[in-house]
């Protein structure tokens, strides 16, 4: 079974589970697991540690917030670049 099929099976009623593993986050963002871990360790992506082994979990709403913040940052960068090129 491919990874995409496994991921789809984990969704309940068309929604992601409340908490995602870093592997889930990496798959959603199409990055590798170390990059997802780096986002959490840097504080860019809010996460919690659970269980006896302290495994990281990211709440779905925190992932969505992170994505929206990245879109806002991209928009700001585009507007700044437009302003600089218009001022030449």
N, C-alpha and C. Protein backbone atom coordinates (compact mmCIF):
# COMPACT_ATOMS: atom_id res chain seq x y z
N UNK A 1 0.85 -1.18 0.00
CA UNK A 1 0.00 0.00 0.00
C UNK A 1 0.89 1.25 0.00
N UNK A 2 0.56 2.25 -0.81
CA UNK A 2 1.39 3.45 -0.88
C UNK A 2 1.12 4.37 0.31
N UNK A 3 2.04 5.32 0.54
CA UNK A 3 1.92 6.24 1.67
C UNK A 3 0.65 7.07 1.59
N UNK A 4 0.29 7.51 0.39
CA UNK A 4 -0.91 8.32 0.22
C UNK A 4 -2.16 7.57 0.64
N UNK A 5 -2.24 6.30 0.28
CA UNK A 5 -3.40 5.50 0.66
C UNK A 5 -3.45 5.33 2.18
N UNK A 6 -2.29 5.13 2.80
CA UNK A 6 -2.25 5.00 4.25
C UNK A 6 -2.73 6.29 4.91
N UNK A 7 -2.27 7.42 4.40
CA UNK A 7 -2.67 8.71 4.96
C UNK A 7 -4.17 8.90 4.83
N UNK A 8 -4.73 8.61 3.69
CA UNK A 8 -6.17 8.80 3.48
C UNK A 8 -6.99 7.94 4.43
N UNK A 9 -6.51 6.75 4.74
CA UNK A 9 -7.23 5.87 5.66
C UNK A 9 -7.29 6.46 7.06
N UNK A 10 -6.31 7.27 7.44
CA UNK A 10 -6.26 7.83 8.78
C UNK A 10 -7.23 8.98 8.96
N UNK A 11 -7.67 9.57 7.87
CA UNK A 11 -8.62 10.67 7.95
C UNK A 11 -9.96 10.12 8.40
N UNK A 12 -10.65 10.87 9.25
CA UNK A 12 -11.95 10.45 9.73
C UNK A 12 -12.99 11.44 9.22
N UNK A 13 -14.00 10.96 8.53
CA UNK A 13 -15.05 11.81 7.98
C UNK A 13 -14.48 12.96 7.16
N UNK A 14 -13.41 12.71 6.42
CA UNK A 14 -12.82 13.73 5.57
C UNK A 14 -11.95 14.73 6.30
N UNK A 15 -11.70 14.53 7.58
CA UNK A 15 -10.89 15.46 8.37
C UNK A 15 -9.65 14.76 8.90
N UNK A 16 -8.58 15.55 9.03
CA UNK A 16 -7.37 15.02 9.64
C UNK A 16 -7.64 14.73 11.11
N UNK A 17 -6.89 13.81 11.69
CA UNK A 17 -7.00 13.63 13.14
C UNK A 17 -6.54 14.90 13.84
N UNK A 18 -6.96 15.12 15.08
CA UNK A 18 -6.61 16.35 15.80
C UNK A 18 -5.11 16.53 15.91
N UNK A 19 -4.38 15.48 16.27
CA UNK A 19 -2.94 15.57 16.43
C UNK A 19 -2.23 14.79 15.35
N UNK A 20 -1.17 15.39 14.82
CA UNK A 20 -0.40 14.79 13.74
C UNK A 20 1.00 14.48 14.23
N UNK A 21 1.58 13.41 13.73
CA UNK A 21 2.98 13.11 14.00
C UNK A 21 3.83 14.02 13.13
N UNK A 22 5.12 14.08 13.42
CA UNK A 22 6.01 14.88 12.58
C UNK A 22 6.10 14.27 11.18
N UNK A 23 5.96 12.95 11.07
CA UNK A 23 5.94 12.33 9.75
C UNK A 23 4.71 12.79 8.97
N UNK A 24 3.56 12.91 9.66
CA UNK A 24 2.35 13.42 9.01
C UNK A 24 2.54 14.85 8.54
N UNK A 25 3.14 15.67 9.40
CA UNK A 25 3.40 17.08 9.06
C UNK A 25 4.32 17.15 7.85
N UNK A 26 5.38 16.35 7.87
CA UNK A 26 6.33 16.34 6.75
C UNK A 26 5.62 15.97 5.46
N UNK A 27 4.74 14.98 5.53
CA UNK A 27 4.01 14.56 4.33
C UNK A 27 3.09 15.67 3.84
N UNK A 28 2.39 16.31 4.74
CA UNK A 28 1.48 17.38 4.36
C UNK A 28 2.21 18.57 3.73
N UNK A 29 3.36 18.92 4.29
CA UNK A 29 4.13 20.05 3.77
C UNK A 29 5.07 19.66 2.64
N UNK A 30 5.15 18.37 2.36
CA UNK A 30 6.04 17.83 1.33
C UNK A 30 7.49 18.22 1.59
N UNK A 31 7.90 17.98 2.85
CA UNK A 31 9.28 18.19 3.27
C UNK A 31 9.74 16.89 3.94
N UNK A 32 11.02 16.80 4.30
CA UNK A 32 11.46 15.59 4.97
C UNK A 32 11.26 15.71 6.49
N UNK A 33 11.32 14.58 7.18
CA UNK A 33 11.08 14.57 8.63
C UNK A 33 12.03 15.45 9.42
N UNK A 34 13.34 15.45 9.10
CA UNK A 34 14.23 16.36 9.83
C UNK A 34 13.83 17.84 9.67
N UNK A 35 13.32 18.21 8.52
CA UNK A 35 12.88 19.60 8.31
C UNK A 35 11.66 19.91 9.17
N UNK A 36 10.74 18.95 9.30
CA UNK A 36 9.57 19.13 10.16
C UNK A 36 10.01 19.28 11.61
N UNK A 37 10.96 18.45 12.02
CA UNK A 37 11.50 18.53 13.38
C UNK A 37 12.15 19.89 13.62
N UNK A 38 12.88 20.38 12.63
CA UNK A 38 13.54 21.68 12.76
C UNK A 38 12.52 22.81 12.92
N UNK A 39 11.40 22.73 12.22
CA UNK A 39 10.35 23.74 12.38
C UNK A 39 9.81 23.76 13.80
N UNK A 40 9.64 22.58 14.38
CA UNK A 40 9.16 22.48 15.75
C UNK A 40 10.21 22.99 16.73
N UNK A 41 11.45 22.54 16.58
CA UNK A 41 12.52 22.93 17.51
C UNK A 41 12.80 24.43 17.46
N UNK A 42 12.61 25.05 16.30
CA UNK A 42 12.84 26.50 16.17
C UNK A 42 11.69 27.32 16.74
N UNK A 43 10.54 26.67 16.96
CA UNK A 43 9.37 27.39 17.47
C UNK A 43 8.47 27.93 16.37
N UNK A 44 8.88 27.77 15.11
CA UNK A 44 8.04 28.24 14.00
C UNK A 44 6.70 27.51 13.96
N UNK A 45 6.75 26.22 14.26
CA UNK A 45 5.55 25.38 14.26
C UNK A 45 5.33 24.90 15.69
N UNK A 46 4.20 25.29 16.27
CA UNK A 46 3.91 24.92 17.65
C UNK A 46 3.55 23.44 17.75
N UNK A 47 4.13 22.78 18.75
CA UNK A 47 3.91 21.35 18.95
C UNK A 47 4.01 21.03 20.44
N UNK A 48 3.58 19.83 20.78
CA UNK A 48 3.69 19.36 22.16
C UNK A 48 4.39 18.01 22.17
N UNK A 49 4.97 17.67 23.30
CA UNK A 49 5.55 16.35 23.47
C UNK A 49 4.61 15.53 24.34
N UNK A 50 4.36 14.29 23.92
CA UNK A 50 3.44 13.42 24.65
C UNK A 50 4.08 12.05 24.85
N UNK A 51 3.55 11.35 25.82
CA UNK A 51 3.99 9.98 26.05
C UNK A 51 5.31 9.89 26.77
N UNK A 52 5.63 8.68 27.19
CA UNK A 52 6.85 8.42 27.94
C UNK A 52 8.11 8.69 27.16
N UNK A 53 8.02 8.60 25.85
CA UNK A 53 9.21 8.84 25.01
C UNK A 53 9.26 10.25 24.46
N UNK A 54 8.31 11.09 24.87
CA UNK A 54 8.32 12.49 24.47
C UNK A 54 8.19 12.72 22.97
N UNK A 55 7.31 11.95 22.34
CA UNK A 55 7.13 12.11 20.90
C UNK A 55 6.37 13.40 20.60
N UNK A 56 6.79 14.08 19.55
CA UNK A 56 6.17 15.35 19.17
C UNK A 56 4.86 15.12 18.45
N UNK A 57 3.88 15.98 18.78
CA UNK A 57 2.59 15.99 18.09
C UNK A 57 2.24 17.43 17.77
N UNK A 58 1.67 17.63 16.59
CA UNK A 58 1.26 18.96 16.13
C UNK A 58 -0.25 18.93 15.95
N UNK A 59 -0.91 19.85 16.61
CA UNK A 59 -2.36 19.93 16.45
C UNK A 59 -2.66 20.45 15.04
N UNK A 60 -3.67 19.88 14.44
CA UNK A 60 -4.03 20.25 13.07
C UNK A 60 -4.22 21.75 12.92
N UNK A 61 -4.84 22.39 13.92
CA UNK A 61 -5.06 23.84 13.84
C UNK A 61 -3.74 24.61 13.84
N UNK A 62 -2.73 24.09 14.54
CA UNK A 62 -1.42 24.74 14.56
C UNK A 62 -0.74 24.61 13.20
N UNK A 63 -0.91 23.48 12.55
CA UNK A 63 -0.36 23.31 11.21
C UNK A 63 -1.03 24.28 10.25
N UNK A 64 -2.35 24.39 10.33
CA UNK A 64 -3.07 25.33 9.46
C UNK A 64 -2.66 26.76 9.72
N UNK A 65 -2.45 27.12 10.99
CA UNK A 65 -2.00 28.47 11.34
C UNK A 65 -0.62 28.73 10.75
N UNK A 66 0.28 27.76 10.86
CA UNK A 66 1.62 27.88 10.30
C UNK A 66 1.54 28.13 8.79
N UNK A 67 0.71 27.36 8.11
CA UNK A 67 0.57 27.51 6.67
C UNK A 67 0.05 28.91 6.32
N UNK A 68 -0.95 29.39 7.04
CA UNK A 68 -1.49 30.72 6.78
C UNK A 68 -0.44 31.80 7.03
N UNK A 69 0.37 31.62 8.06
CA UNK A 69 1.45 32.58 8.32
C UNK A 69 2.47 32.59 7.19
N UNK A 70 2.76 31.43 6.61
CA UNK A 70 3.70 31.36 5.49
C UNK A 70 3.12 32.07 4.28
N UNK A 71 1.81 31.92 4.03
CA UNK A 71 1.17 32.64 2.93
C UNK A 71 1.25 34.15 3.15
N UNK A 72 1.00 34.59 4.38
CA UNK A 72 1.05 36.03 4.68
C UNK A 72 2.47 36.56 4.48
N UNK A 73 3.46 35.79 4.92
CA UNK A 73 4.86 36.19 4.74
C UNK A 73 5.22 36.27 3.26
N UNK A 74 4.77 35.30 2.48
CA UNK A 74 5.03 35.33 1.04
C UNK A 74 4.40 36.56 0.40
N UNK A 75 3.19 36.89 0.80
CA UNK A 75 2.51 38.08 0.25
C UNK A 75 3.29 39.35 0.59
N UNK A 76 3.77 39.44 1.84
CA UNK A 76 4.56 40.61 2.24
C UNK A 76 5.83 40.72 1.40
N UNK A 77 6.50 39.60 1.19
CA UNK A 77 7.73 39.61 0.40
C UNK A 77 7.46 40.06 -1.04
N UNK A 78 6.37 39.59 -1.61
CA UNK A 78 6.02 39.97 -2.98
C UNK A 78 5.72 41.46 -3.06
N UNK A 79 4.97 41.96 -2.09
CA UNK A 79 4.64 43.39 -2.09
C UNK A 79 5.88 44.25 -1.92
N UNK A 80 6.81 43.83 -1.05
CA UNK A 80 8.06 44.57 -0.87
C UNK A 80 8.87 44.58 -2.16
N UNK A 81 8.92 43.45 -2.85
CA UNK A 81 9.68 43.37 -4.10
C UNK A 81 9.04 44.27 -5.17
N UNK A 82 7.71 44.30 -5.21
CA UNK A 82 7.02 45.18 -6.16
C UNK A 82 7.32 46.64 -5.86
N UNK A 83 7.28 46.99 -4.57
CA UNK A 83 7.54 48.37 -4.18
C UNK A 83 8.97 48.80 -4.54
N UNK A 84 9.93 47.90 -4.32
CA UNK A 84 11.32 48.21 -4.65
C UNK A 84 11.50 48.38 -6.16
N UNK A 85 10.87 47.51 -6.95
CA UNK A 85 11.03 47.63 -8.41
C UNK A 85 10.29 48.84 -8.96
N UNK A 86 9.21 49.27 -8.34
CA UNK A 86 8.48 50.45 -8.77
C UNK A 86 9.23 51.74 -8.43
N UNK A 87 10.05 51.69 -7.38
CA UNK A 87 10.81 52.85 -6.95
C UNK A 87 12.08 53.10 -7.72
N UNK A 88 12.40 52.26 -8.66
CA UNK A 88 13.65 52.41 -9.43
C UNK A 88 13.57 53.52 -10.41
